[in-house]
Each structure stands twice: as structure tokens, then as C-alpha cells.
Protein backbone atom coordinates (compact mmCIF):
# COMPACT_ATOMS: atom_id res chain seq x y z
CA UNK A 1 68.90 24.72 -24.78
CA UNK A 2 68.56 21.11 -24.13
CA UNK A 3 71.65 18.87 -23.47
CA UNK A 4 71.31 17.19 -27.07
CA UNK A 5 71.88 20.50 -27.96
CA UNK A 6 74.90 21.39 -26.55
CA UNK A 7 76.16 17.61 -26.89
CA UNK A 8 75.69 17.61 -30.79
CA UNK A 9 77.93 20.97 -30.94
CA UNK A 10 80.58 19.25 -28.93
CA UNK A 11 81.04 16.25 -30.90
CA UNK A 12 82.80 17.26 -34.31
CA UNK A 13 85.34 19.58 -32.28
CA UNK A 14 86.50 16.35 -30.82
CA UNK A 15 86.44 14.64 -33.94
CA UNK A 16 88.62 17.20 -35.29
CA UNK A 17 90.97 17.24 -32.15
CA UNK A 18 90.83 13.21 -32.40
CA UNK A 19 91.85 13.97 -35.80
CA UNK A 20 94.47 16.02 -35.42
CA UNK A 21 96.24 13.90 -32.79
CA UNK A 22 95.99 11.24 -35.07
CA UNK A 23 97.67 12.82 -38.17
CA UNK A 24 100.73 13.87 -35.72
CA UNK A 25 101.42 10.67 -34.44
CA UNK A 26 101.26 9.23 -38.03
CA UNK A 27 103.83 11.86 -39.05
CA UNK A 28 106.07 10.59 -36.15
CA UNK A 29 105.50 6.81 -37.31
CA UNK A 30 106.20 7.79 -41.16
CA UNK A 31 109.87 9.00 -39.71
CA UNK A 32 110.21 5.41 -38.46
CA UNK A 33 108.94 3.52 -41.77
CA UNK A 34 105.84 2.54 -40.62
CA UNK A 35 102.65 3.22 -42.71
CA UNK A 36 99.76 5.12 -41.00
CA UNK A 37 96.88 6.20 -42.90
CA UNK A 38 93.80 8.20 -40.84
CA UNK A 39 90.55 6.56 -41.70
CA UNK A 40 87.42 8.89 -40.33
CA UNK A 41 84.55 7.19 -41.89
CA UNK A 42 81.18 8.83 -41.06
CA UNK A 43 79.15 8.27 -37.87
CA UNK A 44 82.51 6.17 -37.01
CA UNK A 45 85.57 7.14 -34.11
CA UNK A 46 88.58 8.05 -36.43
CA UNK A 47 91.15 6.18 -36.23
CA UNK A 48 95.14 5.26 -37.73
CA UNK A 49 95.64 2.24 -39.55
CA UNK A 50 98.90 1.18 -38.96
CA UNK A 51 101.65 -1.04 -41.29
CA UNK A 52 104.59 -2.31 -40.11
CA UNK A 53 107.16 -3.19 -42.47
CA UNK A 54 107.49 -6.90 -40.84
CA UNK A 55 103.76 -6.94 -42.46
CA UNK A 56 102.00 -6.55 -38.60
CA UNK A 57 99.11 -4.39 -38.68
CA UNK A 58 97.07 -2.69 -36.08
CA UNK A 59 94.81 0.05 -35.26
CA UNK A 60 95.38 3.33 -32.96
CA UNK A 61 92.98 5.52 -31.71
CA UNK A 62 93.02 8.91 -29.95
CA UNK A 63 90.63 9.55 -27.18
CA UNK A 64 90.28 12.29 -24.25
CA UNK A 65 89.63 10.89 -20.93
CA UNK A 66 87.33 12.37 -18.36
CA UNK A 67 90.46 14.98 -16.59
CA UNK A 68 90.64 16.33 -20.23
CA UNK A 69 93.79 14.42 -21.07
CA UNK A 70 94.12 13.05 -24.79
CA UNK A 71 95.96 9.31 -24.89
CA UNK A 72 96.35 7.19 -27.54
CA UNK A 73 94.73 4.02 -27.08
CA UNK A 74 95.03 0.54 -28.50
CA UNK A 75 91.52 -1.18 -29.95
CA UNK A 76 91.25 -3.29 -26.87
CA UNK A 77 91.07 -0.15 -24.73
CA UNK A 78 94.75 -0.05 -23.33
CA UNK A 79 96.64 3.05 -23.11
CA UNK A 80 99.97 3.36 -25.37
CA UNK A 81 100.52 6.84 -24.14
CA UNK A 82 99.58 10.41 -23.76
CA UNK A 83 99.58 12.68 -26.79
CA UNK A 84 101.80 14.92 -25.88
CA UNK A 85 104.63 11.89 -25.81
CA UNK A 86 104.68 11.43 -29.33
CA UNK A 87 108.16 9.71 -29.27
CA UNK A 88 106.96 7.36 -26.62
CA UNK A 89 103.72 6.48 -28.55
CA UNK A 90 106.09 5.72 -31.45
CA UNK A 91 108.22 3.93 -29.61
CA UNK A 92 105.42 1.89 -27.74
CA UNK A 93 103.33 0.94 -31.22
CA UNK A 94 106.82 0.26 -33.05
CA UNK A 95 107.57 -2.32 -30.05
CA UNK A 96 103.81 -4.14 -30.49
CA UNK A 97 104.15 -3.95 -33.91
CA UNK A 98 107.80 -5.19 -34.44
CA UNK A 99 107.55 -8.24 -31.50
CA UNK A 100 106.89 -11.62 -32.98
CA UNK A 101 103.66 -12.71 -33.47
CA UNK A 102 103.27 -15.13 -30.59
CA UNK A 103 103.88 -11.71 -28.85
CA UNK A 104 101.49 -9.80 -29.81
CA UNK A 105 97.77 -9.23 -28.64
CA UNK A 106 95.31 -10.71 -31.47
CA UNK A 107 93.63 -7.98 -33.38
CA UNK A 108 90.22 -6.64 -32.50
CA UNK A 109 86.82 -8.09 -33.76
């Protein structure tokens, strides 16, 4: 069995693991009044599209690091919090989304 075969089979499980983590974070964010919609287009990395009641919007990703740990990430490749710290992740996200526009990082793209 070649490397590409093994790598190809691992991708769907990583995708589902990412989606599961994003869904768990979305539930915690909903309790804080932050809208969170899971977006998973074919061939693209799954993400949460977040909307704060103030009107601020951002995306969040879940990714596995080389050491096997999972983290939530901003699109500009900054870690938010480990996936096991849902409350900490939600607080960090709320802090950024609730910050005045001059204090928020620019949206990606």
C-alpha cells in the first residue's frame, strides 16, 4: 500500500474530527449569544462562520497539531485555545468579536 493510499483514507476522519470539534464549540458560543454556522464545502477545510450581536464576523477553524493535540485557530494562523478548553475558546472569541473595530485584527483575504 503506497503513502497516497494511507493519506487519502486519513483525510475523511480528520475532516469529521474537525467538524465534531467545531460543532461542540458552536454549541458553547450559542449559549453566549454568538451565531456559529458550520461550513464544510467539498475539498475545503471546515470552519465556523461566527456572528456577534455587535455585527462583528469572523471564521474559526479546528486543526490538529503535529503532536496530536487539537486547537481552535483564527484564519490568520493564531491559536485561540485547545479544543478541550471550550469555555476558554468561547471567551477568547467573544473578546475579539466584542472588541471595538479598531482593536480587531483585519479579516483575512
